[in-house]
Amino acid sequence: QVQLVESGGGSVQAGGSLRLSCAASLRTWEPFTMGWFRQAPGKEREFVAAIDWTGSSRIHSISVKDRFFISRGNAKNTSDLQMNSLKSEDTAVYYCAADVNRPWVAEVAVEAYDYWGQGTQVTVSS
């Protein structure tokens, strides 16, 4: 079982930056992929970025590519999402997620993830 806690959300003006962090705690050790998703009011949850257990495979959605960057800590139980050049359309609740079934694949599908954090709000004003 994996517990995830996000931090770092807040309000920022368009063009600004924020850094989200996710800390994972496990009852028993197992490798897992970490992903970031977001959900805006009235919209479905969408993929943002993912990184596999080793950190060697990462992927970003087209909408955030070249603006956001996902990373993973050396201890493997943390992930950061650096968000630059923020736009109003980036406003959403951001969720961290863990996939324990395919830890060596940076999964993009919501359904692939087994555990979710509580979410952190990011608001970008124009």
Foldseek 3Di string as FASTA:
>chain_A
DKAKAKDWADEEAAQAKTKMKMFIDDPDDAAKKKFKWWDDPPGDIFGAKIAAQVRPDIDGDPVQPPFWDKGADPVSRMIMIIGGRDDQVVWTWMKMFIARPCRGDGDGDPVRTDDIYPTDTHGYHD
